[in-house]
Amino acid sequence: MPRPSLRPVGPCILVIDDDAMLRRALVRGLKRRYTVNERDDAKVALAEIAAGQRYDAIICDLTLGGMSGKQFIVALDKILPEQAARTIILTGLSKTTLDDELLDIIGPRFVEKPATFSEIEMVLDDALGVQARAA
């Protein structure tokens, strides 16, 4: 019997969120179009990226235990600006709470929770440089 292919599916996405239930639901939903890695600790994710791990896009919550999402994105921008430029904030906070430093890095890549997979994928497509799919 042939073994199933372990080939990655689509672009490689990192999801950073310390809410395990939400993170797992997001990963499950994204796996149909993307290869998805997940972390519950931004400091660990930053260390892996600094050591050479690369992602096509990163989805990051702002309110994380330990290193915050903002701290992660600002630190990432210092060591690898091209990765920071493809980072999407997915958070329960309003965009009006973000400061100019963070907005300069992420641009329009912000999704407020609760969000649908369609909303998240539309912003992901933008971060990946993919034209929006027909609705």
N, C-alpha and C. Protein backbone atom coordinates (compact mmCIF):
# COMPACT_ATOMS: atom_id res chain seq x y z
N MET A 1 0.85 -1.18 0.00
CA MET A 1 0.00 0.00 0.00
C MET A 1 0.89 1.24 0.00
N PRO A 2 0.64 2.21 -0.91
CA PRO A 2 1.46 3.41 -0.96
C PRO A 2 1.29 4.27 0.29
N ARG A 3 2.38 4.89 0.70
CA ARG A 3 2.34 5.78 1.87
C ARG A 3 1.80 7.14 1.46
N PRO A 4 1.07 7.80 2.33
CA PRO A 4 0.57 9.13 1.99
C PRO A 4 1.74 10.10 1.83
N SER A 5 1.57 11.06 0.96
CA SER A 5 2.59 12.06 0.72
C SER A 5 2.73 12.97 1.93
N LEU A 6 3.97 13.23 2.31
CA LEU A 6 4.23 14.16 3.40
C LEU A 6 4.64 15.53 2.86
N ARG A 7 4.40 15.74 1.58
CA ARG A 7 4.75 16.98 0.93
C ARG A 7 3.97 18.14 1.56
N PRO A 8 4.64 19.25 1.79
CA PRO A 8 3.93 20.40 2.34
C PRO A 8 2.82 20.88 1.40
N VAL A 9 1.78 21.44 1.99
CA VAL A 9 0.66 21.97 1.23
C VAL A 9 0.75 23.49 1.29
N GLY A 10 0.92 24.12 0.15
CA GLY A 10 0.89 25.58 0.07
C GLY A 10 1.97 26.28 0.86
N PRO A 11 1.85 27.60 0.98
CA PRO A 11 2.82 28.41 1.71
C PRO A 11 2.90 28.00 3.18
N CYS A 12 4.05 28.22 3.77
CA CYS A 12 4.29 27.86 5.18
C CYS A 12 3.93 29.04 6.08
N ILE A 13 2.99 28.80 6.98
CA ILE A 13 2.47 29.83 7.88
C ILE A 13 2.80 29.45 9.32
N LEU A 14 3.19 30.45 10.11
CA LEU A 14 3.38 30.26 11.55
C LEU A 14 2.24 30.96 12.28
N VAL A 15 1.61 30.26 13.21
CA VAL A 15 0.57 30.83 14.05
C VAL A 15 1.11 30.90 15.47
N ILE A 16 1.14 32.11 16.05
CA ILE A 16 1.59 32.31 17.42
C ILE A 16 0.42 32.82 18.24
N ASP A 17 -0.05 32.00 19.17
CA ASP A 17 -1.14 32.38 20.06
C ASP A 17 -1.06 31.49 21.28
N ASP A 18 -1.18 32.07 22.47
CA ASP A 18 -1.09 31.27 23.68
C ASP A 18 -2.44 30.69 24.12
N ASP A 19 -3.49 30.99 23.40
CA ASP A 19 -4.80 30.40 23.65
C ASP A 19 -4.86 29.10 22.82
N ALA A 20 -4.63 27.97 23.48
CA ALA A 20 -4.49 26.68 22.80
C ALA A 20 -5.72 26.33 21.97
N MET A 21 -6.90 26.55 22.50
CA MET A 21 -8.11 26.18 21.79
C MET A 21 -8.27 27.01 20.50
N LEU A 22 -8.06 28.29 20.61
CA LEU A 22 -8.17 29.16 19.44
C LEU A 22 -7.07 28.83 18.43
N ARG A 23 -5.84 28.63 18.91
CA ARG A 23 -4.71 28.33 18.02
C ARG A 23 -4.97 27.04 17.25
N ARG A 24 -5.42 26.01 17.93
CA ARG A 24 -5.68 24.72 17.27
C ARG A 24 -6.81 24.84 16.24
N ALA A 25 -7.84 25.60 16.56
CA ALA A 25 -8.94 25.79 15.60
C ALA A 25 -8.44 26.53 14.37
N LEU A 26 -7.63 27.54 14.58
CA LEU A 26 -7.07 28.30 13.46
C LEU A 26 -6.16 27.42 12.60
N VAL A 27 -5.32 26.64 13.25
CA VAL A 27 -4.41 25.73 12.52
C VAL A 27 -5.22 24.73 11.70
N ARG A 28 -6.25 24.13 12.30
CA ARG A 28 -7.10 23.18 11.57
C ARG A 28 -7.72 23.81 10.33
N GLY A 29 -8.23 25.02 10.49
CA GLY A 29 -8.87 25.70 9.37
C GLY A 29 -7.89 26.08 8.26
N LEU A 30 -6.69 26.45 8.64
CA LEU A 30 -5.71 26.89 7.65
C LEU A 30 -5.02 25.74 6.93
N LYS A 31 -4.99 24.56 7.55
CA LYS A 31 -4.25 23.43 6.98
C LYS A 31 -4.77 22.97 5.62
N ARG A 32 -5.98 23.34 5.26
CA ARG A 32 -6.49 22.91 3.96
C ARG A 32 -5.80 23.64 2.82
N ARG A 33 -5.23 24.83 3.09
CA ARG A 33 -4.54 25.60 2.04
C ARG A 33 -3.07 25.85 2.31
N TYR A 34 -2.64 25.63 3.54
CA TYR A 34 -1.29 26.02 3.92
C TYR A 34 -0.60 24.92 4.73
N THR A 35 0.73 24.98 4.74
CA THR A 35 1.51 24.21 5.70
C THR A 35 1.58 25.10 6.93
N VAL A 36 1.15 24.58 8.09
CA VAL A 36 1.02 25.44 9.26
C VAL A 36 1.84 24.90 10.42
N ASN A 37 2.64 25.78 11.01
CA ASN A 37 3.34 25.51 12.26
C ASN A 37 2.72 26.38 13.33
N GLU A 38 2.80 25.94 14.56
CA GLU A 38 2.20 26.71 15.64
C GLU A 38 3.14 26.80 16.83
N ARG A 39 3.07 27.92 17.52
CA ARG A 39 3.83 28.14 18.74
C ARG A 39 2.92 28.88 19.72
N ASP A 40 3.12 28.59 21.01
CA ASP A 40 2.38 29.32 22.03
C ASP A 40 3.26 30.35 22.72
N ASP A 41 4.51 30.48 22.28
CA ASP A 41 5.50 31.34 22.91
C ASP A 41 6.25 32.13 21.84
N ALA A 42 6.07 33.44 21.83
CA ALA A 42 6.70 34.29 20.82
C ALA A 42 8.22 34.29 20.94
N LYS A 43 8.72 34.16 22.15
CA LYS A 43 10.18 34.15 22.35
C LYS A 43 10.81 32.92 21.69
N VAL A 44 10.15 31.78 21.80
CA VAL A 44 10.62 30.56 21.15
C VAL A 44 10.57 30.73 19.63
N ALA A 45 9.47 31.28 19.12
CA ALA A 45 9.34 31.51 17.68
C ALA A 45 10.43 32.44 17.17
N LEU A 46 10.72 33.51 17.91
CA LEU A 46 11.75 34.46 17.51
C LEU A 46 13.12 33.79 17.48
N ALA A 47 13.41 32.96 18.47
CA ALA A 47 14.69 32.24 18.51
C ALA A 47 14.82 31.31 17.31
N GLU A 48 13.75 30.62 16.95
CA GLU A 48 13.78 29.72 15.80
C GLU A 48 14.01 30.49 14.50
N ILE A 49 13.37 31.63 14.37
CA ILE A 49 13.55 32.46 13.18
C ILE A 49 14.98 33.00 13.14
N ALA A 50 15.48 33.46 14.27
CA ALA A 50 16.86 33.96 14.33
C ALA A 50 17.86 32.87 13.97
N ALA A 51 17.50 31.61 14.24
CA ALA A 51 18.37 30.47 13.93
C ALA A 51 18.23 29.99 12.48
N GLY A 52 17.31 30.60 11.71
CA GLY A 52 17.22 30.25 10.30
C GLY A 52 15.87 29.78 9.80
N GLN A 53 14.91 29.52 10.68
CA GLN A 53 13.58 29.10 10.24
C GLN A 53 12.90 30.26 9.50
N ARG A 54 12.25 29.98 8.39
CA ARG A 54 11.57 31.02 7.61
C ARG A 54 10.13 30.62 7.34
N TYR A 55 9.28 31.63 7.26
CA TYR A 55 7.86 31.42 6.98
C TYR A 55 7.42 32.35 5.87
N ASP A 56 6.43 31.92 5.11
CA ASP A 56 5.87 32.78 4.07
C ASP A 56 5.01 33.87 4.69
N ALA A 57 4.42 33.59 5.85
CA ALA A 57 3.64 34.57 6.60
C ALA A 57 3.54 34.10 8.05
N ILE A 58 3.31 35.05 8.93
CA ILE A 58 3.17 34.77 10.36
C ILE A 58 1.88 35.43 10.84
N ILE A 59 1.09 34.68 11.61
CA ILE A 59 -0.11 35.23 12.24
C ILE A 59 0.19 35.26 13.74
N CYS A 60 0.06 36.43 14.35
CA CYS A 60 0.48 36.59 15.74
C CYS A 60 -0.56 37.36 16.54
N ASP A 61 -0.90 36.85 17.71
CA ASP A 61 -1.75 37.56 18.65
C ASP A 61 -0.89 38.64 19.32
N LEU A 62 -1.50 39.69 19.82
CA LEU A 62 -0.75 40.72 20.53
C LEU A 62 -0.64 40.43 22.02
N THR A 63 -1.68 39.84 22.59
CA THR A 63 -1.70 39.61 24.03
C THR A 63 -1.25 38.19 24.33
N LEU A 64 0.05 38.05 24.47
CA LEU A 64 0.66 36.75 24.76
C LEU A 64 1.31 36.81 26.13
N GLY A 65 1.39 35.67 26.81
CA GLY A 65 2.15 35.61 28.04
C GLY A 65 3.63 35.69 27.70
N GLY A 66 4.44 36.23 28.58
CA GLY A 66 5.87 36.36 28.27
C GLY A 66 6.07 37.50 27.29
N MET A 67 6.75 37.22 26.18
CA MET A 67 6.99 38.22 25.14
C MET A 67 5.66 38.54 24.45
N SER A 68 5.29 39.82 24.41
CA SER A 68 4.03 40.20 23.76
C SER A 68 4.18 40.11 22.24
N GLY A 69 3.04 40.14 21.56
CA GLY A 69 3.07 40.14 20.12
C GLY A 69 3.78 41.37 19.56
N LYS A 70 3.56 42.52 20.19
CA LYS A 70 4.26 43.73 19.74
C LYS A 70 5.76 43.57 19.91
N GLN A 71 6.20 43.09 21.07
CA GLN A 71 7.64 42.88 21.29
C GLN A 71 8.22 41.93 20.26
N PHE A 72 7.46 40.87 19.94
CA PHE A 72 7.91 39.91 18.93
C PHE A 72 8.08 40.58 17.58
N ILE A 73 7.07 41.32 17.13
CA ILE A 73 7.09 41.94 15.81
C ILE A 73 8.20 42.99 15.71
N VAL A 74 8.37 43.81 16.74
CA VAL A 74 9.42 44.83 16.74
C VAL A 74 10.80 44.16 16.71
N ALA A 75 10.99 43.12 17.52
CA ALA A 75 12.27 42.40 17.52
C ALA A 75 12.52 41.71 16.18
N LEU A 76 11.48 41.11 15.61
CA LEU A 76 11.59 40.46 14.31
C LEU A 76 11.97 41.47 13.23
N ASP A 77 11.38 42.65 13.29
CA ASP A 77 11.68 43.70 12.32
C ASP A 77 13.15 44.12 12.38
N LYS A 78 13.73 44.05 13.56
CA LYS A 78 15.15 44.42 13.71
C LYS A 78 16.08 43.36 13.12
N ILE A 79 15.71 42.08 13.25
CA ILE A 79 16.62 41.02 12.77
C ILE A 79 16.28 40.54 11.36
N LEU A 80 15.01 40.62 10.97
CA LEU A 80 14.59 40.11 9.67
C LEU A 80 13.35 40.88 9.17
N PRO A 81 13.56 42.10 8.69
CA PRO A 81 12.41 42.93 8.32
C PRO A 81 11.49 42.31 7.28
N GLU A 82 12.03 41.49 6.39
CA GLU A 82 11.16 40.88 5.37
C GLU A 82 10.19 39.88 5.99
N GLN A 83 10.54 39.26 7.11
CA GLN A 83 9.59 38.38 7.81
C GLN A 83 8.57 39.21 8.57
N ALA A 84 9.02 40.28 9.20
CA ALA A 84 8.11 41.16 9.93
C ALA A 84 7.08 41.78 8.98
N ALA A 85 7.50 42.06 7.75
CA ALA A 85 6.60 42.67 6.76
C ALA A 85 5.49 41.72 6.33
N ARG A 86 5.65 40.42 6.60
CA ARG A 86 4.62 39.44 6.25
C ARG A 86 3.94 38.89 7.51
N THR A 87 3.94 39.70 8.57
CA THR A 87 3.29 39.31 9.81
C THR A 87 1.91 39.95 9.90
N ILE A 88 0.95 39.14 10.31
CA ILE A 88 -0.44 39.56 10.45
C ILE A 88 -0.79 39.53 11.93
N ILE A 89 -1.40 40.58 12.40
CA ILE A 89 -1.88 40.60 13.78
C ILE A 89 -3.32 40.09 13.78
N LEU A 90 -3.58 39.10 14.63
CA LEU A 90 -4.93 38.58 14.86
C LEU A 90 -5.17 38.70 16.35
N THR A 91 -6.00 39.67 16.75
CA THR A 91 -6.15 39.96 18.17
C THR A 91 -7.55 40.45 18.49
N GLY A 92 -7.88 40.38 19.75
CA GLY A 92 -9.16 40.90 20.24
C GLY A 92 -9.11 42.39 20.51
N LEU A 93 -7.92 42.99 20.41
CA LEU A 93 -7.77 44.42 20.63
C LEU A 93 -8.18 45.20 19.38
N SER A 94 -8.61 46.41 19.57
CA SER A 94 -8.98 47.27 18.44
C SER A 94 -7.72 47.82 17.77
N LYS A 95 -7.80 48.02 16.47
CA LYS A 95 -6.65 48.58 15.73
C LYS A 95 -6.27 49.96 16.24
N THR A 96 -7.22 50.68 16.84
CA THR A 96 -6.93 52.02 17.36
C THR A 96 -5.99 51.97 18.56
N THR A 97 -5.79 50.80 19.15
CA THR A 97 -4.87 50.67 20.30
C THR A 97 -3.42 50.49 19.85
N LEU A 98 -3.20 50.28 18.54
CA LEU A 98 -1.85 50.07 18.03
C LEU A 98 -1.13 51.40 17.87
N ASP A 99 0.17 51.40 18.17
CA ASP A 99 0.95 52.63 18.00
C ASP A 99 1.58 52.68 16.61
N ASP A 100 2.12 53.84 16.27
CA ASP A 100 2.68 54.06 14.93
C ASP A 100 3.83 53.10 14.62
N GLU A 101 4.66 52.78 15.61
CA GLU A 101 5.78 51.88 15.37
C GLU A 101 5.30 50.54 14.84
N LEU A 102 4.27 50.00 15.47
CA LEU A 102 3.73 48.71 15.05
C LEU A 102 2.99 48.83 13.71
N LEU A 103 2.23 49.87 13.53
CA LEU A 103 1.50 50.07 12.27
C LEU A 103 2.45 50.24 11.09
N ASP A 104 3.60 50.88 11.32
CA ASP A 104 4.60 51.02 10.25
C ASP A 104 5.13 49.67 9.80
N ILE A 105 5.22 48.73 10.72
CA ILE A 105 5.75 47.40 10.39
C ILE A 105 4.69 46.55 9.70
N ILE A 106 3.49 46.49 10.27
CA ILE A 106 2.47 45.56 9.75
C ILE A 106 1.62 46.12 8.63
N GLY A 107 1.58 47.44 8.49
CA GLY A 107 0.74 48.03 7.47
C GLY A 107 -0.72 47.65 7.69
N PRO A 108 -1.43 47.20 6.64
CA PRO A 108 -2.86 46.89 6.77
C PRO A 108 -3.14 45.48 7.28
N ARG A 109 -2.11 44.73 7.64
CA ARG A 109 -2.29 43.31 7.99
C ARG A 109 -2.72 43.16 9.46
N PHE A 110 -4.00 43.41 9.68
CA PHE A 110 -4.60 43.37 11.01
C PHE A 110 -5.98 42.76 10.90
N VAL A 111 -6.26 41.78 11.77
CA VAL A 111 -7.59 41.16 11.81
C VAL A 111 -8.03 41.16 13.27
N GLU A 112 -9.22 41.70 13.50
CA GLU A 112 -9.76 41.74 14.86
C GLU A 112 -10.61 40.50 15.13
N LYS A 113 -10.36 39.87 16.29
CA LYS A 113 -11.16 38.72 16.71
C LYS A 113 -12.50 39.22 17.21
N PRO A 114 -13.56 38.48 17.04
CA PRO A 114 -13.62 37.22 16.30
C PRO A 114 -13.59 37.48 14.80
N ALA A 115 -12.98 36.57 14.08
CA ALA A 115 -12.84 36.72 12.63
C ALA A 115 -13.19 35.40 11.96
N THR A 116 -13.66 35.48 10.74
CA THR A 116 -13.94 34.27 9.96
C THR A 116 -12.66 33.83 9.26
N PHE A 117 -12.62 32.57 8.82
CA PHE A 117 -11.47 32.09 8.06
C PHE A 117 -11.34 32.88 6.76
N SER A 118 -12.45 33.28 6.18
CA SER A 118 -12.41 34.09 4.95
C SER A 118 -11.68 35.41 5.19
N GLU A 119 -11.99 36.07 6.29
CA GLU A 119 -11.32 37.34 6.62
C GLU A 119 -9.82 37.12 6.83
N ILE A 120 -9.48 36.07 7.55
CA ILE A 120 -8.07 35.77 7.82
C ILE A 120 -7.35 35.43 6.52
N GLU A 121 -7.97 34.59 5.69
CA GLU A 121 -7.33 34.19 4.43
C GLU A 121 -7.19 35.36 3.47
N MET A 122 -8.10 36.32 3.50
CA MET A 122 -7.98 37.48 2.64
C MET A 122 -6.74 38.30 3.02
N VAL A 123 -6.51 38.49 4.31
CA VAL A 123 -5.33 39.22 4.77
C VAL A 123 -4.07 38.39 4.51
N LEU A 124 -4.17 37.07 4.69
CA LEU A 124 -3.04 36.19 4.38
C LEU A 124 -2.67 36.27 2.91
N ASP A 125 -3.66 36.24 2.03
CA ASP A 125 -3.41 36.37 0.60
C ASP A 125 -2.67 37.67 0.30
N ASP A 126 -3.07 38.75 0.97
CA ASP A 126 -2.41 40.03 0.78
C ASP A 126 -0.94 39.93 1.23
N ALA A 127 -0.72 39.35 2.39
CA ALA A 127 0.66 39.21 2.92
C ALA A 127 1.50 38.34 2.01
N LEU A 128 0.88 37.36 1.39
CA LEU A 128 1.61 36.45 0.51
C LEU A 128 1.71 36.98 -0.92
N GLY A 129 1.05 38.11 -1.18
CA GLY A 129 1.09 38.68 -2.51
C GLY A 129 0.18 37.99 -3.50
N VAL A 130 -0.84 37.31 -2.99
CA VAL A 130 -1.80 36.59 -3.82
C VAL A 130 -3.00 37.47 -4.05
N GLN A 131 -3.49 37.49 -5.28
CA GLN A 131 -4.70 38.26 -5.55
C GLN A 131 -5.87 37.61 -4.83
N ALA A 132 -6.78 38.44 -4.36
CA ALA A 132 -7.96 37.94 -3.64
C ALA A 132 -8.74 36.96 -4.50
N ARG A 133 -9.20 35.88 -3.86
CA ARG A 133 -10.01 34.87 -4.55
C ARG A 133 -11.41 35.43 -4.77
N ALA A 134 -12.03 34.92 -5.79
CA ALA A 134 -13.42 35.30 -6.03
C ALA A 134 -14.28 34.77 -4.89
N ALA A 135 -15.20 35.57 -4.46
CA ALA A 135 -16.05 35.17 -3.33
C ALA A 135 -17.03 34.11 -3.71
